[in-house]
Protein backbone atom coordinates (compact mmCIF):
# COMPACT_ATOMS: atom_id res chain seq x y z
CA MET A 1 19.61 38.42 11.83
CA PRO A 2 15.96 37.99 13.73
CA LYS A 3 13.99 41.46 14.20
CA GLU A 4 11.78 39.67 17.18
CA PHE A 5 9.57 42.09 19.96
CA LYS A 6 6.89 41.31 21.69
CA LEU A 7 3.42 42.24 21.29
CA TYR A 8 0.28 41.23 23.67
CA ASP A 9 -2.31 38.81 22.40
CA LEU A 10 -5.93 40.76 22.93
CA ARG A 11 -9.16 39.95 24.31
CA VAL A 12 -12.15 42.31 24.03
CA THR A 13 -15.18 41.31 26.13
CA VAL A 14 -18.87 43.28 26.37
CA VAL A 15 -18.57 43.44 29.96
CA SER A 16 -22.16 46.04 30.14
CA ILE A 17 -25.66 47.30 28.45
CA GLU A 18 -26.65 49.36 29.98
CA GLY A 19 -29.24 50.16 27.57
CA ARG A 20 -31.15 48.04 24.54
CA SER A 21 -29.05 45.54 22.57
CA VAL A 22 -29.78 46.28 18.91
CA CYS A 23 -26.84 44.99 17.49
CA GLY A 24 -27.34 41.54 19.85
CA LEU A 25 -24.26 41.55 21.45
CA GLN A 26 -24.94 40.26 25.09
CA VAL A 27 -22.64 40.63 27.78
CA GLY A 28 -19.50 37.82 27.42
CA ASP A 29 -19.26 37.94 24.21
CA TYR A 30 -16.43 38.59 23.52
CA PHE A 31 -13.29 38.51 20.49
CA GLU A 32 -9.89 38.12 20.17
CA VAL A 33 -6.40 39.42 18.38
CA LYS A 34 -3.63 37.19 17.82
CA GLU A 35 -0.20 36.80 15.85
CA SER A 36 -0.55 40.97 16.15
CA SER A 37 -3.55 41.29 13.69
CA LYS A 38 -6.21 38.25 13.42
CA LEU A 39 -8.98 38.90 14.57
CA TYR A 40 -11.18 35.40 15.88
CA ILE A 41 -14.85 35.62 16.73
CA PRO A 42 -15.90 32.00 18.34
CA THR A 43 -17.98 30.45 15.72
CA GLY A 44 -21.77 30.81 15.81
CA LYS A 45 -21.13 34.39 17.14
CA HIS A 46 -20.43 37.99 15.51
CA PHE A 47 -19.05 41.25 16.50
CA CYS A 48 -21.13 44.67 16.41
CA ILE A 49 -18.66 46.17 13.39
CA TYR A 50 -19.90 50.01 15.07
CA ALA A 51 -18.97 48.66 19.22
CA LEU A 52 -15.52 47.27 16.76
CA SER A 53 -14.39 51.19 15.02
CA ALA A 54 -14.67 52.02 18.75
CA VAL A 55 -12.28 49.78 20.31
CA LEU A 56 -9.94 48.80 17.08
CA PRO A 57 -7.60 52.25 17.55
CA LEU A 58 -7.26 51.52 20.64
CA LEU A 59 -5.99 48.08 20.07
CA PRO A 60 -2.29 48.67 18.90
CA ALA A 61 -1.48 50.72 21.75
CA LYS A 62 -2.66 48.01 24.36
CA GLN A 63 -0.86 45.35 22.43
CA ARG A 64 2.28 46.98 23.62
CA GLN A 65 3.86 47.38 26.92
CA LEU A 66 3.43 50.54 27.72
CA GLU A 67 5.32 53.01 30.17
CA GLU A 68 3.20 52.79 33.86
CA ASN A 69 1.41 56.15 34.33
CA ASP A 70 0.12 56.38 30.55
CA TRP A 71 -3.09 55.94 30.66
CA LEU A 72 -3.46 53.83 27.92
CA GLU A 73 -1.88 51.45 30.31
CA ARG A 74 -4.11 51.43 33.05
CA ASP A 75 -7.31 52.35 31.24
CA VAL A 76 -8.98 49.11 30.36
CA LEU A 77 -13.01 50.04 29.29
CA VAL A 78 -14.16 50.94 26.37
CA ALA A 79 -18.05 52.71 25.01
CA CYS A 80 -20.09 51.37 21.77
CA PRO A 81 -20.45 55.03 20.32
CA ASP A 82 -24.36 54.26 20.25
CA PRO A 83 -25.76 56.12 22.87
CA ASP A 84 -29.30 53.38 23.25
CA GLU A 85 -27.03 50.77 23.79
CA ARG A 86 -24.10 52.38 26.42
CA CYS A 87 -22.39 49.02 25.54
CA ILE A 88 -19.19 49.21 27.42
CA MET A 89 -15.93 46.68 26.78
CA ARG A 90 -13.15 45.40 27.99
CA ILE A 91 -9.58 44.87 26.69
CA ASP A 92 -7.83 42.41 28.57
CA ARG A 93 -3.70 41.35 27.52
CA ILE A 94 -4.44 36.75 27.26
CA ARG A 95 -0.80 36.11 26.35
CA LYS A 96 3.01 37.75 25.67
CA ARG A 97 3.94 36.62 21.65
CA THR A 98 7.35 37.01 20.32
CA LEU A 99 7.13 37.78 16.81
CA ASN A 100 9.60 38.65 13.70
CA SER A 101 9.21 41.47 12.42
CA ASP A 102 10.70 40.43 8.99
CA GLU A 103 7.43 37.98 8.49
CA LEU A 104 4.67 41.14 9.34
CA THR A 105 3.62 43.93 7.26
């Protein structure tokens, strides 16, 4: 019997940089997480590993539908840990996908 469940694919986009961009990110830069765990960065682009480290712990929760009043369901903004940059990223759900748990670890 298939063990299906649903997850959202996500896009994390830089929405503002209030300081100086030491790592080279610009407003509009993004990455996507698809099919549970696949990270996609547009060709020719990069994403700072420190900004990624700030958002990474929130991604599994944002991939799931949570209770309406859960703060993780409502909140979508994440700040990079570098205080000189003050880079703000937004997590958006871009597609709901049906997966099979037998095909994943």
